[in-house]
Every structure is written in structure tokens, then in C-alpha cells.
PDB file of N, CA and C in Angstrom:
ATOM      1  N   MET A   1      77.627 107.547  48.840  1.00  0.00           N
ATOM      2  CA  MET A   1      77.566 107.280  50.223  1.00  0.00           C
ATOM      3  C   MET A   1      78.527 106.020  49.422  1.00  0.00           C
ATOM      4  N   GLY A   2      79.221 105.883  50.831  1.00  0.00           N
ATOM      5  CA  GLY A   2      80.438 104.571  51.118  1.00  0.00           C
ATOM      6  C   GLY A   2      79.849 103.486  51.831  1.00  0.00           C
ATOM      7  N   PHE A   3      80.192 102.705  51.870  1.00  0.00           N
ATOM      8  CA  PHE A   3      79.322 100.871  52.181  1.00  0.00           C
ATOM      9  C   PHE A   3      79.890 102.024  53.840  1.00  0.00           C
ATOM     10  N   PHE A   4      78.658 100.816  54.563  1.00  0.00           N
ATOM     11  CA  PHE A   4      79.027 101.401  56.362  1.00  0.00           C
ATOM     12  C   PHE A   4      79.078  99.959  56.736  1.00  0.00           C
ATOM     13  N   SER A   5      80.271 100.255  57.132  1.00  0.00           N
ATOM     14  CA  SER A   5      80.053  98.182  58.154  1.00  0.00           C
ATOM     15  C   SER A   5      79.779  98.292  59.563  1.00  0.00           C
ATOM     16  N   PRO A   6      78.788  97.819  60.599  1.00  0.00           N
ATOM     17  CA  PRO A   6      78.427  98.497  62.100  1.00  0.00           C
ATOM     18  C   PRO A   6      79.528  97.659  62.616  1.00  0.00           C
ATOM     19  N   LYS A   7      80.473  98.328  63.714  1.00  0.00           N
ATOM     20  CA  LYS A   7      81.530  97.348  64.172  1.00  0.00           C
ATOM     21  C   LYS A   7      81.381  95.877  65.106  1.00  0.00           C
ATOM     22  N   ASN A   8      80.386  95.729  65.261  1.00  0.00           N
ATOM     23  CA  ASN A   8      79.486  95.029  66.017  1.00  0.00           C
ATOM     24  C   ASN A   8      78.783  93.536  65.476  1.00  0.00           C
ATOM     25  N   THR A   9      79.061  93.605  64.334  1.00  0.00           N
ATOM     26  CA  THR A   9      79.445  92.009  63.787  1.00  0.00           C
ATOM     27  C   THR A   9      79.450  90.288  63.726  1.00  0.00           C
ATOM     28  N   PRO A  10      78.415  89.811  63.387  1.00  0.00           N
ATOM     29  CA  PRO A  10      78.985  89.047  63.888  1.00  0.00           C
ATOM     30  C   PRO A  10      80.559  88.137  62.810  1.00  0.00           C
ATOM     31  N   GLU A  11      80.573  88.517  61.861  1.00  0.00           N
ATOM     32  CA  GLU A  11      82.250  88.685  61.614  1.00  0.00           C
ATOM     33  C   GLU A  11      83.135  88.876  62.353  1.00  0.00           C
ATOM     34  N   ASN A  12      83.116  90.406  62.741  1.00  0.00           N
ATOM     35  CA  ASN A  12      84.256  91.566  63.961  1.00  0.00           C
ATOM     36  C   ASN A  12      84.719  90.599  64.860  1.00  0.00           C
ATOM     37  N   ALA A  13      83.747  89.944  65.748  1.00  0.00           N
ATOM     38  CA  ALA A  13      83.169  89.311  66.641  1.00  0.00           C
ATOM     39  C   ALA A  13      83.969  87.711  67.421  1.00  0.00           C
ATOM     40  N   VAL A  14      83.436  87.003  65.979  1.00  0.00           N
ATOM     41  CA  VAL A  14      84.571  86.386  65.877  1.00  0.00           C
ATOM     42  C   VAL A  14      86.321  87.237  64.793  1.00  0.00           C
ATOM     43  N   LYS A  15      86.498  88.050  65.011  1.00  0.00           N
ATOM     44  CA  LYS A  15      88.324  88.133  65.001  1.00  0.00           C
ATOM     45  C   LYS A  15      88.393  88.985  66.088  1.00  0.00           C
ATOM     46  N   ALA A  16      87.589  89.067  66.520  1.00  0.00           N
ATOM     47  CA  ALA A  16      87.993  89.647  67.698  1.00  0.00           C
ATOM     48  C   ALA A  16      88.325  88.279  68.269  1.00  0.00           C
ATOM     49  N   GLN A  17      87.824  86.992  69.105  1.00  0.00           N
ATOM     50  CA  GLN A  17      87.595  86.156  69.038  1.00  0.00           C
ATOM     51  C   GLN A  17      89.431  85.707  68.879  1.00  0.00           C
ATOM     52  N   ILE A  18      89.349  85.230  67.496  1.00  0.00           N
ATOM     53  CA  ILE A  18      90.886  85.465  67.055  1.00  0.00           C
ATOM     54  C   ILE A  18      92.106  85.449  67.450  1.00  0.00           C
ATOM     55  N   ASP A  19      91.907  87.094  66.969  1.00  0.00           N
ATOM     56  CA  ASP A  19      93.146  88.030  67.334  1.00  0.00           C
ATOM     57  C   ASP A  19      93.086  87.763  68.910  1.00  0.00           C
ATOM     58  N   ALA A  20      92.102  88.083  70.392  1.00  0.00           N
ATOM     59  CA  ALA A  20      91.786  87.142  71.543  1.00  0.00           C
ATOM     60  C   ALA A  20      93.392  86.017  71.534  1.00  0.00           C
ATOM     61  N   LYS A  21      92.691  84.677  70.583  1.00  0.00           N
ATOM     62  CA  LYS A  21      93.885  83.691  71.208  1.00  0.00           C
ATOM     63  C   LYS A  21      94.749  82.987  70.772  1.00  0.00           C
ATOM     64  N   LEU A  22      95.552  84.435  69.559  1.00  0.00           N
ATOM     65  CA  LEU A  22      96.675  84.549  69.227  1.00  0.00           C
ATOM     66  C   LEU A  22      97.200  84.890  70.199  1.00  0.00           C
ATOM     67  N   ALA A  23      96.889  86.439  70.906  1.00  0.00           N
ATOM     68  CA  ALA A  23      97.191  87.245  71.755  1.00  0.00           C
ATOM     69  C   ALA A  23      98.091  85.989  72.948  1.00  0.00           C
ATOM     70  N   PHE A  24      96.747  85.485  73.451  1.00  0.00           N
ATOM     71  CA  PHE A  24      96.999  84.590  73.831  1.00  0.00           C
ATOM     72  C   PHE A  24      98.475  83.375  74.249  1.00  0.00           C
ATOM     73  N   ILE A  25      98.319  82.781  73.186  1.00  0.00           N
ATOM     74  CA  ILE A  25      99.612  81.907  72.634  1.00  0.00           C
ATOM     75  C   ILE A  25     100.806  82.398  72.566  1.00  0.00           C
ATOM     76  N   ASN A  26     100.615  83.653  72.150  1.00  0.00           N
ATOM     77  CA  ASN A  26     101.992  84.790  71.865  1.00  0.00           C
ATOM     78  C   ASN A  26     102.641  84.827  74.063  1.00  0.00           C
ATOM     79  N   ASP A  27     101.687  85.158  74.210  1.00  0.00           N
ATOM     80  CA  ASP A  27     101.477  85.471  75.492  1.00  0.00           C
ATOM     81  C   ASP A  27     102.403  83.840  76.563  1.00  0.00           C
ATOM     82  N   LYS A  28     102.382  82.546  76.164  1.00  0.00           N
ATOM     83  CA  LYS A  28     102.694  81.528  76.574  1.00  0.00           C
ATOM     84  C   LYS A  28     104.268  80.822  76.132  1.00  0.00           C
ATOM     85  N   TYR A  29     103.724  81.897  74.494  1.00  0.00           N
ATOM     86  CA  TYR A  29     105.157  81.360  74.214  1.00  0.00           C
ATOM     87  C   TYR A  29     106.401  82.359  74.686  1.00  0.00           C
ATOM     88  N   THR A  30     105.680  83.335  74.806  1.00  0.00           N
ATOM     89  CA  THR A  30     107.097  84.241  76.136  1.00  0.00           C
ATOM     90  C   THR A  30     107.130  83.847  77.495  1.00  0.00           C
ATOM     91  N   GLU A  31     105.622  83.551  77.745  1.00  0.00           N
ATOM     92  CA  GLU A  31     106.449  82.455  79.117  1.00  0.00           C
ATOM     93  C   GLU A  31     107.966  81.748  79.260  1.00  0.00           C
ATOM     94  N   ILE A  32     107.032  81.081  78.025  1.00  0.00           N
ATOM     95  CA  ILE A  32     107.734  79.621  77.803  1.00  0.00           C
ATOM     96  C   ILE A  32     109.673  79.957  77.450  1.00  0.00           C
ATOM     97  N   GLY A  33     109.524  81.329  77.110  1.00  0.00           N
ATOM     98  CA  GLY A  33     110.838  81.330  76.737  1.00  0.00           C
ATOM     99  C   GLY A  33     112.439  81.969  77.012  1.00  0.00           C
ATOM    100  N   ARG A  34     110.977  83.038  78.337  1.00  0.00           N
ATOM    101  CA  ARG A  34     111.400  83.437  79.224  1.00  0.00           C
ATOM    102  C   ARG A  34     111.631  82.600  80.339  1.00  0.00           C
ATOM    103  N   PHE A  35     110.863  81.430  80.656  1.00  0.00           N
ATOM    104  CA  PHE A  35     111.287  80.146  82.179  1.00  0.00           C
ATOM    105  C   PHE A  35     112.468  79.933  81.091  1.00  0.00           C
ATOM    106  N   VAL A  36     111.947  78.689  79.984  1.00  0.00           N
ATOM    107  CA  VAL A  36     114.164  78.560  79.737  1.00  0.00           C
ATOM    108  C   VAL A  36     114.988  79.738  79.258  1.00  0.00           C
ATOM    109  N   LYS A  37     114.379  81.189  79.143  1.00  0.00           N
ATOM    110  CA  LYS A  37     116.436  81.705  79.117  1.00  0.00           C
ATOM    111  C   LYS A  37     116.656  81.790  80.672  1.00  0.00           C
ATOM    112  N   LEU A  38     115.701  81.739  81.531  1.00  0.00           N
ATOM    113  CA  LEU A  38     116.373  82.203  83.117  1.00  0.00           C
ATOM    114  C   LEU A  38     116.447  80.386  83.614  1.00  0.00           C
ATOM    115  N   ARG A  39     115.533  79.591  83.624  1.00  0.00           N
ATOM    116  CA  ARG A  39     116.878  78.505  83.942  1.00  0.00           C
ATOM    117  C   ARG A  39     116.996  77.794  83.537  1.00  0.00           C
ATOM    118  N   MET A  40     116.716  77.537  82.100  1.00  0.00           N
ATOM    119  CA  MET A  40     117.317  76.650  81.668  1.00  0.00           C
ATOM    120  C   MET A  40     118.409  76.965  80.424  1.00  0.00           C
ATOM    121  N   ALA A  41     118.750  78.356  80.904  1.00  0.00           N
ATOM    122  CA  ALA A  41     120.118  78.657  78.984  1.00  0.00           C
ATOM    123  C   ALA A  41     121.625  77.534  79.076  1.00  0.00           C
ATOM    124  N   ASP A  42     121.766  77.259  80.690  1.00  0.00           N
ATOM    125  CA  ASP A  42     123.261  76.467  80.931  1.00  0.00           C
ATOM    126  C   ASP A  42     122.717  75.243  79.934  1.00  0.00           C
ATOM    127  N   LYS A  43     121.776  74.277  79.890  1.00  0.00           N
ATOM    128  CA  LYS A  43     121.776  73.145  79.344  1.00  0.00           C
ATOM    129  C   LYS A  43     121.656  73.323  77.981  1.00  0.00           C
ATOM    130  N   ILE A  44     121.525  74.706  77.194  1.00  0.00           N
ATOM    131  CA  ILE A  44     121.067  74.831  75.390  1.00  0.00           C
ATOM    132  C   ILE A  44     122.518  73.888  74.783  1.00  0.00           C
ATOM    133  N   GLU A  45     122.303  73.436  73.564  1.00  0.00           N
ATOM    134  CA  GLU A  45     123.372  73.478  73.215  1.00  0.00           C
ATOM    135  C   GLU A  45     122.993  74.036  71.347  1.00  0.00           C
ATOM    136  N   GLU A  46     121.941  73.491  71.121  1.00  0.00           N
ATOM    137  CA  GLU A  46     121.820  74.361  70.293  1.00  0.00           C
ATOM    138  C   GLU A  46     121.971  76.136  69.604  1.00  0.00           C
ATOM    139  N   PRO A  47     122.946  75.572  68.355  1.00  0.00           N
ATOM    140  CA  PRO A  47     123.804  77.084  67.980  1.00  0.00           C
ATOM    141  C   PRO A  47     122.780  78.171  68.005  1.00  0.00           C
ATOM    142  N   GLU A  48     121.680  78.045  67.423  1.00  0.00           N
ATOM    143  CA  GLU A  48     120.779  78.997  67.141  1.00  0.00           C
ATOM    144  C   GLU A  48     119.917  79.471  68.587  1.00  0.00           C
ATOM    145  N   VAL A  49     119.473  78.732  69.360  1.00  0.00           N
ATOM    146  CA  VAL A  49     119.369  79.368  70.565  1.00  0.00           C
ATOM    147  C   VAL A  49     119.851  79.386  71.312  1.00  0.00           C
ATOM    148  N   LYS A  50     121.419  79.427  71.632  1.00  0.00           N
ATOM    149  CA  LYS A  50     122.826  80.583  72.085  1.00  0.00           C
ATOM    150  C   LYS A  50     122.311  81.229  72.148  1.00  0.00           C
ATOM    151  N   ASN A  51     122.258  81.664  70.463  1.00  0.00           N
ATOM    152  CA  ASN A  51     122.431  82.971  70.013  1.00  0.00           C
ATOM    153  C   ASN A  51     121.603  83.921  70.077  1.00  0.00           C
ATOM    154  N   LEU A  52     120.706  83.047  70.214  1.00  0.00           N
ATOM    155  CA  LEU A  52     118.610  83.923  70.707  1.00  0.00           C
ATOM    156  C   LEU A  52     119.503  84.370  72.035  1.00  0.00           C
ATOM    157  N   ILE A  53     119.427  83.578  72.776  1.00  0.00           N
ATOM    158  CA  ILE A  53     120.117  84.136  74.643  1.00  0.00           C
ATOM    159  C   ILE A  53     121.396  85.064  74.625  1.00  0.00           C
ATOM    160  N   ALA A  54     122.480  84.676  73.556  1.00  0.00           N
ATOM    161  CA  ALA A  54     123.578  86.000  73.796  1.00  0.00           C
ATOM    162  C   ALA A  54     122.634  87.233  73.374  1.00  0.00           C
ATOM    163  N   GLN A  55     121.777  87.673  72.005  1.00  0.00           N
ATOM    164  CA  GLN A  55     121.163  88.519  71.967  1.00  0.00           C
ATOM    165  C   GLN A  55     120.297  89.638  73.006  1.00  0.00           C
ATOM    166  N   ILE A  56     120.074  87.734  73.185  1.00  0.00           N
ATOM    167  CA  ILE A  56     119.474  89.240  75.129  1.00  0.00           C
ATOM    168  C   ILE A  56     119.536  89.134  76.096  1.00  0.00           C
ATOM    169  N   ASP A  57     121.084  88.683  76.285  1.00  0.00           N
ATOM    170  CA  ASP A  57     121.762  89.334  78.119  1.00  0.00           C
ATOM    171  C   ASP A  57     122.768  90.093  76.570  1.00  0.00           C
ATOM    172  N   ALA A  58     122.971  90.739  75.679  1.00  0.00           N
ATOM    173  CA  ALA A  58     123.883  91.769  74.405  1.00  0.00           C
ATOM    174  C   ALA A  58     122.844  93.073  75.817  1.00  0.00           C
ATOM    175  N   THR A  59     120.915  92.695  74.773  1.00  0.00           N
ATOM    176  CA  THR A  59     120.373  93.990  75.694  1.00  0.00           C
ATOM    177  C   THR A  59     119.956  94.256  76.935  1.00  0.00           C
ATOM    178  N   LEU A  60     119.944  93.550  77.679  1.00  0.00           N
ATOM    179  CA  LEU A  60     119.992  93.327  78.640  1.00  0.00           C
ATOM    180  C   LEU A  60     120.552  93.901  79.240  1.00  0.00           C
ATOM    181  N   GLU A  61     122.615  94.210  79.156  1.00  0.00           N
ATOM    182  CA  GLU A  61     123.117  94.639  79.415  1.00  0.00           C
ATOM    183  C   GLU A  61     122.538  96.296  78.689  1.00  0.00           C
ATOM    184  N   GLU A  62     122.526  96.640  77.531  1.00  0.00           N
ATOM    185  CA  GLU A  62     122.474  97.822  76.572  1.00  0.00           C
ATOM    186  C   GLU A  62     120.723  98.920  77.381  1.00  0.00           C
ATOM    187  N   LEU A  63     120.077  98.267  78.049  1.00  0.00           N
ATOM    188  CA  LEU A  63     118.580  98.335  78.983  1.00  0.00           C
ATOM    189  C   LEU A  63     120.095  98.210  80.339  1.00  0.00           C
ATOM    190  N   LYS A  64     120.319  98.438  81.053  1.00  0.00           N
ATOM    191  CA  LYS A  64     121.507  98.549  82.275  1.00  0.00           C
ATOM    192  C   LYS A  64     122.018  99.630  82.208  1.00  0.00           C
ATOM    193  N   ASN A  65     122.498  99.727  80.874  1.00  0.00           N
ATOM    194  CA  ASN A  65     123.237 101.133  80.876  1.00  0.00           C
ATOM    195  C   ASN A  65     122.646 101.637  80.980  1.00  0.00           C
ATOM    196  N   LEU A  66     121.614 101.933  79.493  1.00  0.00           N
ATOM    197  CA  LEU A  66     120.612 103.172  79.208  1.00  0.00           C
ATOM    198  C   LEU A  66     119.434 103.703  80.684  1.00  0.00           C
ATOM    199  N   ASN A  67     119.602 102.611  81.787  1.00  0.00           N
ATOM    200  CA  ASN A  67     118.947 102.993  82.824  1.00  0.00           C
ATOM    201  C   ASN A  67     119.135 103.779  83.254  1.00  0.00           C
ATOM    202  N   GLU A  68     120.911 103.190  84.047  1.00  0.00           N
ATOM    203  CA  GLU A  68     121.935 104.307  84.456  1.00  0.00           C
ATOM    204  C   GLU A  68     121.435 105.349  84.338  1.00  0.00           C
ATOM    205  N   GLN A  69     121.768 105.981  82.690  1.00  0.00           N
ATOM    206  CA  GLN A  69     122.232 106.753  82.130  1.00  0.00           C
ATOM    207  C   GLN A  69     120.619 107.691  82.228  1.00  0.00           C
ATOM    208  N   LEU A  70     119.881 107.234  82.201  1.00  0.00           N
ATOM    209  CA  LEU A  70     118.410 107.722  82.796  1.00  0.00           C
ATOM    210  C   LEU A  70     118.730 108.537  83.908  1.00  0.00           C
ATOM    211  N   LEU A  71     118.524 107.639  85.344  1.00  0.00           N
ATOM    212  CA  LEU A  71     119.016 108.137  86.398  1.00  0.00           C
ATOM    213  C   LEU A  71     120.182 108.938  86.769  1.00  0.00           C
ATOM    214  N   THR A  72     120.561 109.234  86.390  1.00  0.00           N
ATOM    215  CA  THR A  72     121.959 110.805  86.112  1.00  0.00           C
ATOM    216  C   THR A  72     121.294 111.026  85.108  1.00  0.00           C
ATOM    217  N   ILE A  73     120.650 110.755  84.666  1.00  0.00           N
ATOM    218  CA  ILE A  73     120.174 112.991  84.088  1.00  0.00           C
ATOM    219  C   ILE A  73     119.367 113.147  84.521  1.00  0.00           C
ATOM    220  N   ARG A  74     118.419 111.695  85.828  1.00  0.00           N
ATOM    221  CA  ARG A  74     117.569 112.798  86.624  1.00  0.00           C
ATOM    222  C   ARG A  74     117.966 113.450  88.314  1.00  0.00           C
ATOM    223  N   GLY A  75     118.942 113.111  88.041  1.00  0.00           N
ATOM    224  CA  GLY A  75     120.141 113.522  89.623  1.00  0.00           C
ATOM    225  C   GLY A  75     119.783 111.782  90.414  1.00  0.00           C
ATOM    226  N   MET A  76     119.440 110.700  90.120  1.00  0.00           N
ATOM    227  CA  MET A  76     118.961 110.103  90.944  1.00  0.00           C
ATOM    228  C   MET A  76     119.566 108.725  90.915  1.00  0.00           C
ATOM    229  N   LYS A  77     120.045 107.773  92.156  1.00  0.00           N
ATOM    230  CA  LYS A  77     120.276 106.545  92.112  1.00  0.00           C
ATOM    231  C   LYS A  77     119.510 105.740  92.888  1.00  0.00           C
ATOM    232  N   LEU A  78     119.520 104.175  92.883  1.00  0.00           N
ATOM    233  CA  LEU A  78     118.993 102.833  93.090  1.00  0.00           C
ATOM    234  C   LEU A  78     119.491 102.873  94.352  1.00  0.00           C
ATOM    235  N   CYS A  79     118.610 102.382  95.601  1.00  0.00           N
ATOM    236  CA  CYS A  79     118.998 102.543  96.425  1.00  0.00           C
ATOM    237  C   CYS A  79     119.828 100.773  97.231  1.00  0.00           C
ATOM    238  N   SER A  80     120.711 101.308  98.381  1.00  0.00           N
ATOM    239  CA  SER A  80     121.145  99.801  97.768  1.00  0.00           C
ATOM    240  C   SER A  80     120.576  99.429  98.514  1.00  0.00           C
ATOM    241  N   GLY A  81     119.803  98.907  99.803  1.00  0.00           N
ATOM    242  CA  GLY A  81     117.763  98.411 100.611  1.00  0.00           C
ATOM    243  C   GLY A  81     117.046  97.940  99.815  1.00  0.00           C
ATOM    244  N   CYS A  82     117.106  98.401  98.763  1.00  0.00           N
ATOM    245  CA  CYS A  82     115.556  97.886  98.824  1.00  0.00           C
ATOM    246  C   CYS A  82     115.604  98.120  96.652  1.00  0.00           C
ATOM    247  N   GLY A  83     116.445  99.325  96.170  1.00  0.00           N
ATOM    248  CA  GLY A  83     116.263  99.467  94.703  1.00  0.00           C
ATOM    249  C   GLY A  83     115.690 100.823  94.711  1.00  0.00           C
ATOM    250  N   HIS A  84     114.535 101.042  95.375  1.00  0.00           N
ATOM    251  CA  HIS A  84     113.964 102.296  94.764  1.00  0.00           C
ATOM    252  C   HIS A  84     115.033 103.452  94.539  1.00  0.00           C
ATOM    253  N   GLU A  85     114.536 104.477  93.302  1.00  0.00           N
ATOM    254  CA  GLU A  85     115.534 105.650  93.065  1.00  0.00           C
ATOM    255  C   GLU A  85     114.758 106.608  94.534  1.00  0.00           C
ATOM    256  N   ILE A  86     116.539 107.347  94.421  1.00  0.00           N
ATOM    257  CA  ILE A  86     116.929 107.881  95.033  1.00  0.00           C
ATOM    258  C   ILE A  86     117.656 108.845  94.857  1.00  0.00           C
ATOM    259  N   PRO A  87     117.495 109.997  95.153  1.00  0.00           N
ATOM    260  CA  PRO A  87     118.370 110.960  95.173  1.00  0.00           C
ATOM    261  C   PRO A  87     119.930 111.089  95.197  1.00  0.00           C
ATOM    262  N   VAL A  88     121.143 111.459  94.165  1.00  0.00           N
ATOM    263  CA  VAL A  88     122.903 110.737  94.239  1.00  0.00           C
ATOM    264  C   VAL A  88     122.647 111.175  95.818  1.00  0.00           C
ATOM    265  N   ASN A  89     122.479 112.511  96.364  1.00  0.00           N
ATOM    266  CA  ASN A  89     123.007 112.960  97.997  1.00  0.00           C
ATOM    267  C   ASN A  89     122.407 111.657  98.977  1.00  0.00           C
ATOM    268  N   MET A  90     122.153 110.577  98.812  1.00  0.00           N
ATOM    269  CA  MET A  90     121.013 109.640 100.297  1.00  0.00           C
ATOM    270  C   MET A  90     122.339 109.028  99.977  1.00  0.00           C
ATOM    271  N   ALA A  91     121.892 108.067 101.517  1.00  0.00           N
ATOM    272  CA  ALA A  91     123.118 107.041 100.959  1.00  0.00           C
ATOM    273  C   ALA A  91     121.664 105.851 100.931  1.00  0.00           C
ATOM    274  N   PHE A  92     120.467 105.722 101.016  1.00  0.00           N
ATOM    275  CA  PHE A  92     119.659 105.243 100.979  1.00  0.00           C
ATOM    276  C   PHE A  92     118.561 105.894 101.510  1.00  0.00           C
ATOM    277  N   CYS A  93     117.328 105.369 100.949  1.00  0.00           N
ATOM    278  CA  CYS A  93     115.671 105.662 101.440  1.00  0.00           C
ATOM    279  C   CYS A  93     114.993 105.329 102.208  1.00  0.00           C
ATOM    280  N   ILE A  94     114.142 105.996 102.856  1.00  0.00           N
ATOM    281  CA  ILE A  94     113.559 105.945 104.467  1.00  0.00           C
ATOM    282  C   ILE A  94     112.879 105.133 104.803  1.00  0.00           C
ATOM    283  N   ASP A  95     112.598 103.854 103.753  1.00  0.00           N
ATOM    284  CA  ASP A  95     111.785 102.773 103.504  1.00  0.00           C
ATOM    285  C   ASP A  95     113.440 102.125 103.953  1.00  0.00           C
ATOM    286  N   THR A  96     114.910 101.883 103.183  1.00  0.00           N
ATOM    287  CA  THR A  96     115.632 100.499 104.345  1.00  0.00           C
ATOM    288  C   THR A  96     115.557 101.852 105.598  1.00  0.00           C
ATOM    289  N   LEU A  97     115.786 102.980 105.733  1.00  0.00           N
ATOM    290  CA  LEU A  97     116.177 103.513 107.246  1.00  0.00           C
ATOM    291  C   LEU A  97     115.313 103.267 107.836  1.00  0.00           C
ATOM    292  N   SER A  98     113.730 102.865 107.717  1.00  0.00           N
ATOM    293  CA  SER A  98     113.293 101.917 108.652  1.00  0.00           C
ATOM    294  C   SER A  98     112.801 100.650 109.063  1.00  0.00           C
ATOM    295  N   THR A  99     113.494 100.429 107.695  1.00  0.00           N
ATOM    296  CA  THR A  99     113.686  98.583 107.795  1.00  0.00           C
ATOM    297  C   THR A  99     114.823  98.186 108.911  1.00  0.00           C
ATOM    298  N   THR A 100     115.934  99.360 108.637  1.00  0.00           N
ATOM    299  CA  THR A 100     117.477  99.112 109.206  1.00  0.00           C
ATOM    300  C   THR A 100     116.770  99.428 110.525  1.00  0.00           C
ATOM    301  N   LEU A 101     116.071 100.451 111.005  1.00  0.00           N
ATOM    302  CA  LEU A 101     115.792 100.688 112.313  1.00  0.00           C
ATOM    303  C   LEU A 101     115.015  99.980 113.495  1.00  0.00           C
ATOM    304  N   SER A 102     113.891  99.192 112.481  1.00  0.00           N
ATOM    305  CA  SER A 102     112.647  98.348 113.020  1.00  0.00           C
ATOM    306  C   SER A 102     113.326  96.978 113.773  1.00  0.00           C
ATOM    307  N   SER A 103     115.007  96.809 113.671  1.00  0.00           N
ATOM    308  CA  SER A 103     115.312  95.323 113.178  1.00  0.00           C
ATOM    309  C   SER A 103     115.878  95.942 114.763  1.00  0.00           C
ATOM    310  N   PHE A 104     116.575  96.679 115.023  1.00  0.00           N
ATOM    311  CA  PHE A 104     116.855  97.027 116.861  1.00  0.00           C
ATOM    312  C   PHE A 104     116.054  96.999 117.645  1.00  0.00           C
TER     313      PHE A 104
END
């Protein structure tokens, strides 16, 4: 017979709390990084950080291209009015049409 360790031990409860706190901290680091990237990137002089920002920008461009490829494969495009996916043979989606017509 092997050693059985119940899931709800005091040790596991504390470990779960530690994991939750570490995840919270990592989320906050991500938020800080996003804030700095979006609002302060042009003020940063540190070469290492500038390199990381350039890597993010390059990856964002790659993601944009991949998403465009995915739309093409699906026979879809983005509505120029609202950004929703629509078939390539449509000029815009019904939401954009409704908004445009209601403004008249």
C-alpha cells in the first residue's frame, strides 16, 4: 500500500494561499508592464527595456498577421464600423448599419 495524502491538509491549504498570492503578484507585474508599454514606452531609455518593448511590438505585428490569415481562411473580415467578424462579401455588419440608419 502506498502513502495516501488527503487533499485538504493544512499544508495544502497554505500552499494554495501562497500560490494564489504569487499569481496575484504576477498579474500586477503584468498590469504594470502593460501600463508602462502603452503609456510610457517613449520615455524609457534603458536598452534592455527598449529591446523588450521592440519584441512585444514585433510579436503584436505577427499576431495581427496571423489573425488576418485566420479571417481569410474562414472567409471573413472585420467590419470597418465596429470590428466584428463579417463575411468578406459584406461591406459592414448589421450593428453598424443599424447605428448608421438611426443617426438619420
